[in-house]
Amino acid sequence: MIKRSLPTTFHLKRGDELLAVLEACRLSGEMFWQICTFVSKGDTAAIEAAIHADNAEELFEMGLRLVDPLDNTDIEYFSLFLEGGQVWVRYADPRDL
């Protein structure tokens, strides 16, 4: 089995619209979480409350997608928590399911 490196960048999209880039991602020290810098690329005001609340269901209902831009893989199961300019990311890699 080939072990992939963890992504260091993610795209947060609604449809094809790029809302934010999560960059400089690194392990957080908390199991299964990475910390990334949150860079807004669109109108994120509508989604920030859900991200602050770590409300994965609401993010899903809003039609948000987390994408690994390296190979354009959609990550269906994810959780985000925004704190200041940093976002905590936890996800299930679809290539491992």
Protein backbone atom coordinates (compact mmCIF):
# COMPACT_ATOMS: atom_id res chain seq x y z
CA MET A 1 0.00 0.00 0.00
CA ILE A 2 1.36 3.41 -0.99
CA LYS A 3 0.98 6.05 1.68
CA ARG A 4 0.14 9.52 0.35
CA SER A 5 1.35 12.72 1.91
CA LEU A 6 -1.29 14.85 3.60
CA PRO A 7 -2.50 17.72 1.43
CA THR A 8 -1.07 21.15 2.28
CA THR A 9 -3.77 23.03 0.35
CA PHE A 10 -7.53 22.62 -0.02
CA HIS A 11 -10.15 24.55 -1.99
CA LEU A 12 -13.54 25.29 -0.45
CA LYS A 13 -16.11 25.53 -3.24
CA ARG A 14 -19.83 25.89 -3.83
CA GLY A 15 -20.48 24.39 -7.24
CA ASP A 16 -17.59 25.66 -9.35
CA GLU A 17 -17.22 28.89 -7.33
CA LEU A 18 -14.01 29.07 -5.30
CA LEU A 19 -14.92 30.58 -1.92
CA ALA A 20 -11.68 30.07 -0.01
CA VAL A 21 -8.26 28.49 -0.14
CA LEU A 22 -7.02 26.63 2.91
CA GLU A 23 -3.25 26.80 2.61
CA ALA A 24 -0.07 26.01 4.52
CA CYS A 25 -1.88 23.07 6.14
CA ARG A 26 0.01 21.14 8.79
CA LEU A 27 -0.73 18.61 11.48
CA SER A 28 -2.28 20.22 14.54
CA GLY A 29 -1.13 17.83 17.23
CA GLU A 30 -4.78 16.88 17.81
CA MET A 31 -5.64 13.49 16.33
CA PHE A 32 -7.04 13.69 12.77
CA TRP A 33 -6.95 17.52 12.58
CA GLN A 34 -4.87 19.79 10.38
CA ILE A 35 -4.55 23.57 10.80
CA CYS A 36 -4.55 25.76 7.69
CA THR A 37 -4.50 29.45 6.87
CA PHE A 38 -7.95 30.56 5.66
CA VAL A 39 -7.77 32.82 2.59
CA SER A 40 -11.16 34.11 1.40
CA LYS A 41 -11.57 34.22 -2.38
CA GLY A 42 -15.27 35.03 -2.53
CA ASP A 43 -18.26 35.92 -0.41
CA THR A 44 -17.68 33.80 2.68
CA ALA A 45 -19.88 35.83 5.05
CA ALA A 46 -22.80 33.42 4.58
CA ILE A 47 -20.73 30.37 5.50
CA GLU A 48 -18.50 31.76 8.25
CA ALA A 49 -21.09 31.23 11.02
CA ALA A 50 -21.31 27.53 10.13
CA ILE A 51 -17.52 27.24 9.99
CA HIS A 52 -17.14 28.99 13.37
CA ALA A 53 -19.67 26.54 14.84
CA ASP A 54 -18.01 23.44 13.30
CA ASN A 55 -21.39 22.57 11.78
CA ALA A 56 -20.55 20.00 9.11
CA GLU A 57 -24.22 19.26 8.36
CA GLU A 58 -24.97 22.92 7.64
CA LEU A 59 -21.90 23.16 5.38
CA PHE A 60 -23.12 20.12 3.46
CA GLU A 61 -26.63 21.60 3.16
CA MET A 62 -25.10 24.81 1.75
CA GLY A 63 -23.58 22.72 -1.03
CA LEU A 64 -19.98 23.30 0.03
CA ARG A 65 -17.26 21.04 -1.28
CA LEU A 66 -13.76 20.52 0.02
CA VAL A 67 -11.40 19.75 -2.86
CA ASP A 68 -7.81 18.53 -2.93
CA PRO A 69 -6.57 20.69 -5.83
CA LEU A 70 -3.54 18.49 -6.45
CA ASP A 71 -5.68 15.86 -8.18
CA ASN A 72 -9.09 17.63 -8.09
CA THR A 73 -10.53 15.07 -5.65
CA ASP A 74 -13.78 15.99 -3.88
CA ILE A 75 -13.70 15.23 -0.17
CA GLU A 76 -17.27 14.36 0.79
CA TYR A 77 -16.86 13.95 4.55
CA PHE A 78 -15.19 16.90 6.25
CA SER A 79 -15.44 19.20 9.22
CA LEU A 80 -14.12 22.77 9.48
CA PHE A 81 -13.68 25.05 12.46
CA LEU A 82 -12.59 28.65 11.87
CA GLU A 83 -10.71 30.45 14.63
CA GLY A 84 -9.20 33.80 13.72
CA GLY A 85 -7.41 33.40 10.41
CA GLN A 86 -6.80 29.70 10.99
CA VAL A 87 -9.14 26.88 10.04
CA TRP A 88 -9.05 23.43 11.59
CA VAL A 89 -9.76 20.68 9.04
CA ARG A 90 -10.73 17.05 9.61
CA TYR A 91 -11.77 14.81 6.72
CA ALA A 92 -12.09 11.29 5.42
CA ASP A 93 -9.95 10.86 2.33
CA PRO A 94 -12.20 9.29 -0.34
CA ARG A 95 -9.21 7.45 -1.79
CA ASP A 96 -8.96 5.51 1.49
CA LEU A 97 -12.66 4.60 1.79
